[in-house]
């Protein structure tokens, strides 16, 4: 989802912020990992529609210029 410092961490180390789609429903489940904690990332051949996912007013670290209102 994003890359930058984790607001809840006690340090300013940048992290990759992922959404855990397999977590319990009804709860926000972000996973924030430093690059040394990531073993593998699989890129899927599927499309992504930001409007179907982003339901909050985002404060991204990295701008999404092609996401329109979801930037």
PDB file of N, CA and C in Angstrom:
ATOM      1  N   UNK A   1       0.806  -1.185   0.000  1.00  0.00           N
ATOM      2  CA  UNK A   1       0.000   0.000   0.000  1.00  0.00           C
ATOM      3  C   UNK A   1       0.856   1.258   0.000  1.00  0.00           C
ATOM      4  N   UNK A   2       1.951   1.260   0.791  1.00  0.00           N
ATOM      5  CA  UNK A   2       2.741   2.475   0.905  1.00  0.00           C
ATOM      6  C   UNK A   2       4.147   2.123   1.388  1.00  0.00           C
ATOM      7  N   UNK A   3       5.012   3.120   1.380  1.00  0.00           N
ATOM      8  CA  UNK A   3       6.375   2.955   1.871  1.00  0.00           C
ATOM      9  C   UNK A   3       6.782   4.222   2.594  1.00  0.00           C
ATOM     10  N   UNK A   4       7.168   4.095   3.848  1.00  0.00           N
ATOM     11  CA  UNK A   4       7.601   5.241   4.635  1.00  0.00           C
ATOM     12  C   UNK A   4       7.653   4.849   6.100  1.00  0.00           C
ATOM     13  N   UNK A   5       7.896   5.820   6.982  1.00  0.00           N
ATOM     14  CA  UNK A   5       7.965   5.489   8.413  1.00  0.00           C
ATOM     15  C   UNK A   5       6.616   5.007   8.929  1.00  0.00           C
ATOM     16  N   UNK A   6       6.655   4.230   9.976  1.00  0.00           N
ATOM     17  CA  UNK A   6       5.434   3.735  10.600  1.00  0.00           C
ATOM     18  C   UNK A   6       5.118   4.646  11.768  1.00  0.00           C
ATOM     19  N   UNK A   7       3.959   5.241  11.762  1.00  0.00           N
ATOM     20  CA  UNK A   7       3.604   6.223  12.781  1.00  0.00           C
ATOM     21  C   UNK A   7       3.553   5.621  14.181  1.00  0.00           C
ATOM     22  N   UNK A   8       3.332   4.327  14.302  1.00  0.00           N
ATOM     23  CA  UNK A   8       3.241   3.683  15.619  1.00  0.00           C
ATOM     24  C   UNK A   8       4.584   3.165  16.129  1.00  0.00           C
ATOM     25  N   UNK A   9       5.593   3.150  15.268  1.00  0.00           N
ATOM     26  CA  UNK A   9       6.898   2.612  15.669  1.00  0.00           C
ATOM     27  C   UNK A   9       7.666   3.638  16.490  1.00  0.00           C
ATOM     28  N   UNK A  10       8.590   3.161  17.272  1.00  0.00           N
ATOM     29  CA  UNK A  10       9.418   4.039  18.090  1.00  0.00           C
ATOM     30  C   UNK A  10      10.628   4.574  17.340  1.00  0.00           C
ATOM     31  N   UNK A  11      10.744   4.234  16.066  1.00  0.00           N
ATOM     32  CA  UNK A  11      11.859   4.732  15.264  1.00  0.00           C
ATOM     33  C   UNK A  11      11.316   5.277  13.947  1.00  0.00           C
ATOM     34  N   UNK A  12      12.195   5.847  13.144  1.00  0.00           N
ATOM     35  CA  UNK A  12      11.747   6.423  11.873  1.00  0.00           C
ATOM     36  C   UNK A  12      12.189   5.592  10.675  1.00  0.00           C
ATOM     37  N   UNK A  13      12.534   4.328  10.905  1.00  0.00           N
ATOM     38  CA  UNK A  13      12.964   3.456   9.809  1.00  0.00           C
ATOM     39  C   UNK A  13      11.822   3.287   8.811  1.00  0.00           C
ATOM     40  N   UNK A  14      12.101   3.461   7.513  1.00  0.00           N
ATOM     41  CA  UNK A  14      11.038   3.269   6.517  1.00  0.00           C
ATOM     42  C   UNK A  14      10.597   1.815   6.454  1.00  0.00           C
ATOM     43  N   UNK A  15       9.329   1.617   6.182  1.00  0.00           N
ATOM     44  CA  UNK A  15       8.748   0.279   6.110  1.00  0.00           C
ATOM     45  C   UNK A  15       7.807   0.200   4.908  1.00  0.00           C
ATOM     46  N   UNK A  16       7.637  -1.022   4.432  1.00  0.00           N
ATOM     47  CA  UNK A  16       6.605  -1.306   3.434  1.00  0.00           C
ATOM     48  C   UNK A  16       5.332  -1.591   4.209  1.00  0.00           C
ATOM     49  N   UNK A  17       4.255  -0.937   3.829  1.00  0.00           N
ATOM     50  CA  UNK A  17       2.977  -1.098   4.516  1.00  0.00           C
ATOM     51  C   UNK A  17       2.050  -1.894   3.604  1.00  0.00           C
ATOM     52  N   UNK A  18       1.720  -3.094   4.052  1.00  0.00           N
ATOM     53  CA  UNK A  18       0.863  -4.006   3.306  1.00  0.00           C
ATOM     54  C   UNK A  18      -0.489  -4.114   3.984  1.00  0.00           C
ATOM     55  N   UNK A  19      -1.489  -4.527   3.227  1.00  0.00           N
ATOM     56  CA  UNK A  19      -2.807  -4.837   3.764  1.00  0.00           C
ATOM     57  C   UNK A  19      -2.922  -6.347   3.852  1.00  0.00           C
ATOM     58  N   UNK A  20      -3.314  -6.846   5.016  1.00  0.00           N
ATOM     59  CA  UNK A  20      -3.450  -8.285   5.229  1.00  0.00           C
ATOM     60  C   UNK A  20      -4.867  -8.711   4.864  1.00  0.00           C
ATOM     61  N   UNK A  21      -5.033  -9.199   3.637  1.00  0.00           N
ATOM     62  CA  UNK A  21      -6.353  -9.612   3.157  1.00  0.00           C
ATOM     63  C   UNK A  21      -6.847 -10.888   3.827  1.00  0.00           C
ATOM     64  N   UNK A  22      -5.975 -11.623   4.480  1.00  0.00           N
ATOM     65  CA  UNK A  22      -6.373 -12.879   5.107  1.00  0.00           C
ATOM     66  C   UNK A  22      -6.667 -12.736   6.595  1.00  0.00           C
ATOM     67  N   UNK A  23      -6.652 -11.530   7.108  1.00  0.00           N
ATOM     68  CA  UNK A  23      -6.925 -11.325   8.530  1.00  0.00           C
ATOM     69  C   UNK A  23      -8.430 -11.386   8.784  1.00  0.00           C
ATOM     70  N   UNK A  24      -8.784 -11.333  10.052  1.00  0.00           N
ATOM     71  CA  UNK A  24     -10.204 -11.367  10.430  1.00  0.00           C
ATOM     72  C   UNK A  24     -10.949 -10.223   9.772  1.00  0.00           C
ATOM     73  N   UNK A  25     -12.168 -10.474   9.343  1.00  0.00           N
ATOM     74  CA  UNK A  25     -12.970  -9.426   8.711  1.00  0.00           C
ATOM     75  C   UNK A  25     -13.448  -8.434   9.769  1.00  0.00           C
ATOM     76  N   UNK A  26     -13.728  -7.228   9.322  1.00  0.00           N
ATOM     77  CA  UNK A  26     -14.250  -6.212  10.225  1.00  0.00           C
ATOM     78  C   UNK A  26     -13.192  -5.432  10.977  1.00  0.00           C
ATOM     79  N   UNK A  27     -11.922  -5.752  10.752  1.00  0.00           N
ATOM     80  CA  UNK A  27     -10.844  -5.056  11.458  1.00  0.00           C
ATOM     81  C   UNK A  27      -9.813  -4.578  10.450  1.00  0.00           C
ATOM     82  N   UNK A  28      -9.164  -3.467  10.754  1.00  0.00           N
ATOM     83  CA  UNK A  28      -8.070  -2.984   9.910  1.00  0.00           C
ATOM     84  C   UNK A  28      -6.810  -3.748  10.258  1.00  0.00           C
ATOM     85  N   UNK A  29      -6.202  -4.338   9.270  1.00  0.00           N
ATOM     86  CA  UNK A  29      -5.007  -5.133   9.509  1.00  0.00           C
ATOM     87  C   UNK A  29      -3.898  -4.717   8.558  1.00  0.00           C
ATOM     88  N   UNK A  30      -3.095  -3.788   9.002  1.00  0.00           N
ATOM     89  CA  UNK A  30      -1.916  -3.398   8.252  1.00  0.00           C
ATOM     90  C   UNK A  30      -0.734  -4.179   8.772  1.00  0.00           C
ATOM     91  N   UNK A  31       0.155  -4.519   7.867  1.00  0.00           N
ATOM     92  CA  UNK A  31       1.411  -5.156   8.231  1.00  0.00           C
ATOM     93  C   UNK A  31       2.514  -4.215   7.761  1.00  0.00           C
ATOM     94  N   UNK A  32       3.318  -3.735   8.672  1.00  0.00           N
ATOM     95  CA  UNK A  32       4.395  -2.809   8.338  1.00  0.00           C
ATOM     96  C   UNK A  32       5.731  -3.490   8.582  1.00  0.00           C
ATOM     97  N   UNK A  33       6.490  -3.685   7.498  1.00  0.00           N
ATOM     98  CA  UNK A  33       7.744  -4.436   7.563  1.00  0.00           C
ATOM     99  C   UNK A  33       8.908  -3.626   7.007  1.00  0.00           C
ATOM    100  N   UNK A  34      10.053  -3.698   7.702  1.00  0.00           N
ATOM    101  CA  UNK A  34      11.288  -3.139   7.162  1.00  0.00           C
ATOM    102  C   UNK A  34      11.747  -4.026   6.009  1.00  0.00           C
ATOM    103  N   UNK A  35      12.571  -3.483   5.129  1.00  0.00           N
ATOM    104  CA  UNK A  35      12.989  -4.275   3.961  1.00  0.00           C
ATOM    105  C   UNK A  35      13.742  -5.539   4.352  1.00  0.00           C
ATOM    106  N   UNK A  36      14.456  -5.542   5.481  1.00  0.00           N
ATOM    107  CA  UNK A  36      15.187  -6.740   5.901  1.00  0.00           C
ATOM    108  C   UNK A  36      14.264  -7.825   6.457  1.00  0.00           C
ATOM    109  N   UNK A  37      12.989  -7.524   6.634  1.00  0.00           N
ATOM    110  CA  UNK A  37      12.025  -8.496   7.130  1.00  0.00           C
ATOM    111  C   UNK A  37      11.238  -9.171   6.012  1.00  0.00           C
ATOM    112  N   UNK A  38      11.400  -8.703   4.778  1.00  0.00           N
ATOM    113  CA  UNK A  38      10.641  -9.242   3.654  1.00  0.00           C
ATOM    114  C   UNK A  38      11.472 -10.302   2.945  1.00  0.00           C
ATOM    115  N   UNK A  39      10.906 -11.481   2.826  1.00  0.00           N
ATOM    116  CA  UNK A  39      11.581 -12.598   2.181  1.00  0.00           C
ATOM    117  C   UNK A  39      11.207 -12.681   0.710  1.00  0.00           C
ATOM    118  N   UNK A  40       9.925 -12.461   0.396  1.00  0.00           N
ATOM    119  CA  UNK A  40       9.454 -12.621  -0.976  1.00  0.00           C
ATOM    120  C   UNK A  40       8.178 -11.809  -1.180  1.00  0.00           C
ATOM    121  N   UNK A  41       8.020 -11.260  -2.377  1.00  0.00           N
ATOM    122  CA  UNK A  41       6.794 -10.566  -2.764  1.00  0.00           C
ATOM    123  C   UNK A  41       6.375 -11.133  -4.107  1.00  0.00           C
ATOM    124  N   UNK A  42       5.132 -11.552  -4.201  1.00  0.00           N
ATOM    125  CA  UNK A  42       4.610 -12.112  -5.442  1.00  0.00           C
ATOM    126  C   UNK A  42       3.709 -11.090  -6.120  1.00  0.00           C
ATOM    127  N   UNK A  43       4.036 -10.735  -7.339  1.00  0.00           N
ATOM    128  CA  UNK A  43       3.234  -9.798  -8.113  1.00  0.00           C
ATOM    129  C   UNK A  43       2.179 -10.601  -8.874  1.00  0.00           C
ATOM    130  N   UNK A  44       0.920 -10.281  -8.650  1.00  0.00           N
ATOM    131  CA  UNK A  44      -0.179 -11.008  -9.287  1.00  0.00           C
ATOM    132  C   UNK A  44      -0.585 -10.346 -10.589  1.00  0.00           C
ATOM    133  N   UNK A  45      -1.117 -11.114 -11.472  1.00  0.00           N
ATOM    134  CA  UNK A  45      -1.578 -10.612 -12.760  1.00  0.00           C
ATOM    135  C   UNK A  45      -3.071 -10.300 -12.673  1.00  0.00           C
ATOM    136  N   UNK A  46      -3.418  -9.367 -11.780  1.00  0.00           N
ATOM    137  CA  UNK A  46      -4.808  -8.968 -11.596  1.00  0.00           C
ATOM    138  C   UNK A  46      -4.881  -7.448 -11.592  1.00  0.00           C
ATOM    139  N   UNK A  47      -6.067  -6.926 -11.851  1.00  0.00           N
ATOM    140  CA  UNK A  47      -6.237  -5.475 -11.834  1.00  0.00           C
ATOM    141  C   UNK A  47      -6.618  -5.018 -10.428  1.00  0.00           C
ATOM    142  N   UNK A  48      -6.440  -3.742 -10.187  1.00  0.00           N
ATOM    143  CA  UNK A  48      -6.735  -3.157  -8.880  1.00  0.00           C
ATOM    144  C   UNK A  48      -7.508  -1.874  -9.085  1.00  0.00           C
ATOM    145  N   UNK A  49      -8.648  -1.753  -8.433  1.00  0.00           N
ATOM    146  CA  UNK A  49      -9.467  -0.547  -8.511  1.00  0.00           C
ATOM    147  C   UNK A  49      -9.427   0.146  -7.150  1.00  0.00           C
ATOM    148  N   UNK A  50      -8.690   1.267  -7.028  1.00  0.00           N
ATOM    149  CA  UNK A  50      -8.543   1.936  -5.733  1.00  0.00           C
ATOM    150  C   UNK A  50      -9.864   2.265  -5.052  1.00  0.00           C
ATOM    151  N   UNK A  51     -10.884   2.661  -5.802  1.00  0.00           N
ATOM    152  CA  UNK A  51     -12.177   3.023  -5.207  1.00  0.00           C
ATOM    153  C   UNK A  51     -12.818   1.852  -4.467  1.00  0.00           C
ATOM    154  N   UNK A  52     -12.510   0.635  -4.863  1.00  0.00           N
ATOM    155  CA  UNK A  52     -13.066  -0.542  -4.195  1.00  0.00           C
ATOM    156  C   UNK A  52     -12.335  -0.859  -2.899  1.00  0.00           C
ATOM    157  N   UNK A  53     -11.194  -0.243  -2.693  1.00  0.00           N
ATOM    158  CA  UNK A  53     -10.362  -0.560  -1.532  1.00  0.00           C
ATOM    159  C   UNK A  53     -10.215   0.619  -0.578  1.00  0.00           C
ATOM    160  N   UNK A  54      -9.891   1.792  -1.097  1.00  0.00           N
ATOM    161  CA  UNK A  54      -9.615   2.964  -0.269  1.00  0.00           C
ATOM    162  C   UNK A  54     -10.928   3.627   0.126  1.00  0.00           C
ATOM    163  N   UNK A  55     -11.327   3.434   1.382  1.00  0.00           N
ATOM    164  CA  UNK A  55     -12.583   3.997   1.883  1.00  0.00           C
ATOM    165  C   UNK A  55     -12.332   5.094   2.910  1.00  0.00           C
ATOM    166  N   UNK A  56     -11.096   5.490   3.105  1.00  0.00           N
ATOM    167  CA  UNK A  56     -10.718   6.500   4.070  1.00  0.00           C
ATOM    168  C   UNK A  56     -10.007   7.646   3.347  1.00  0.00           C
ATOM    169  N   UNK A  57      -9.781   8.757   4.045  1.00  0.00           N
ATOM    170  CA  UNK A  57      -9.023   9.858   3.475  1.00  0.00           C
ATOM    171  C   UNK A  57      -7.544   9.525   3.672  1.00  0.00           C
ATOM    172  N   UNK A  58      -6.867   9.109   2.616  1.00  0.00           N
ATOM    173  CA  UNK A  58      -5.491   8.639   2.771  1.00  0.00           C
ATOM    174  C   UNK A  58      -4.490   9.760   3.024  1.00  0.00           C
ATOM    175  N   UNK A  59      -3.432   9.397   3.723  1.00  0.00           N
ATOM    176  CA  UNK A  59      -2.280  10.269   3.947  1.00  0.00           C
ATOM    177  C   UNK A  59      -1.040   9.483   3.510  1.00  0.00           C
ATOM    178  N   UNK A  60      -0.947   9.236   2.206  1.00  0.00           N
ATOM    179  CA  UNK A  60       0.138   8.429   1.657  1.00  0.00           C
ATOM    180  C   UNK A  60       1.484   9.122   1.821  1.00  0.00           C
ATOM    181  N   UNK A  61       2.520   8.331   1.967  1.00  0.00           N
ATOM    182  CA  UNK A  61       3.887   8.848   1.916  1.00  0.00           C
ATOM    183  C   UNK A  61       4.303   9.029   0.464  1.00  0.00           C
ATOM    184  N   UNK A  62       3.880   8.111  -0.380  1.00  0.00           N
ATOM    185  CA  UNK A  62       4.199   8.151  -1.811  1.00  0.00           C
ATOM    186  C   UNK A  62       2.923   8.507  -2.566  1.00  0.00           C
ATOM    187  N   UNK A  63       2.995   9.562  -3.369  1.00  0.00           N
ATOM    188  CA  UNK A  63       1.830  10.045  -4.101  1.00  0.00           C
ATOM    189  C   UNK A  63       1.361   9.034  -5.148  1.00  0.00           C
ATOM    190  N   UNK A  64       0.060   8.942  -5.327  1.00  0.00           N
ATOM    191  CA  UNK A  64      -0.553   8.095  -6.355  1.00  0.00           C
ATOM    192  C   UNK A  64      -1.241   9.003  -7.353  1.00  0.00           C
ATOM    193  N   UNK A  65      -0.517   9.494  -8.310  1.00  0.00           N
ATOM    194  CA  UNK A  65      -1.050  10.484  -9.242  1.00  0.00           C
ATOM    195  C   UNK A  65      -2.149   9.922 -10.137  1.00  0.00           C
ATOM    196  N   UNK A  66      -2.183   8.620 -10.353  1.00  0.00           N
ATOM    197  CA  UNK A  66      -3.204   8.031 -11.219  1.00  0.00           C
ATOM    198  C   UNK A  66      -4.420   7.531 -10.443  1.00  0.00           C
ATOM    199  N   UNK A  67      -4.473   7.773  -9.138  1.00  0.00           N
ATOM    200  CA  UNK A  67      -5.573   7.287  -8.330  1.00  0.00           C
ATOM    201  C   UNK A  67      -6.671   8.327  -8.136  1.00  0.00           C
ATOM    202  N   UNK A  68      -6.562   9.465  -8.761  1.00  0.00           N
ATOM    203  CA  UNK A  68      -7.605  10.487  -8.670  1.00  0.00           C
ATOM    204  C   UNK A  68      -7.909  10.899  -7.234  1.00  0.00           C
ATOM    205  N   UNK A  69      -9.173  10.777  -6.830  1.00  0.00           N
ATOM    206  CA  UNK A  69      -9.605  11.197  -5.506  1.00  0.00           C
ATOM    207  C   UNK A  69      -8.979  10.376  -4.387  1.00  0.00           C
ATOM    208  N   UNK A  70      -8.385   9.254  -4.723  1.00  0.00           N
ATOM    209  CA  UNK A  70      -7.812   8.358  -3.714  1.00  0.00           C
ATOM    210  C   UNK A  70      -6.327   8.595  -3.520  1.00  0.00           C
ATOM    211  N   UNK A  71      -5.814   9.668  -4.076  1.00  0.00           N
ATOM    212  CA  UNK A  71      -4.403  10.016  -3.917  1.00  0.00           C
ATOM    213  C   UNK A  71      -4.163  10.676  -2.593  1.00  0.00           C
TER     214      UNK A  71
END
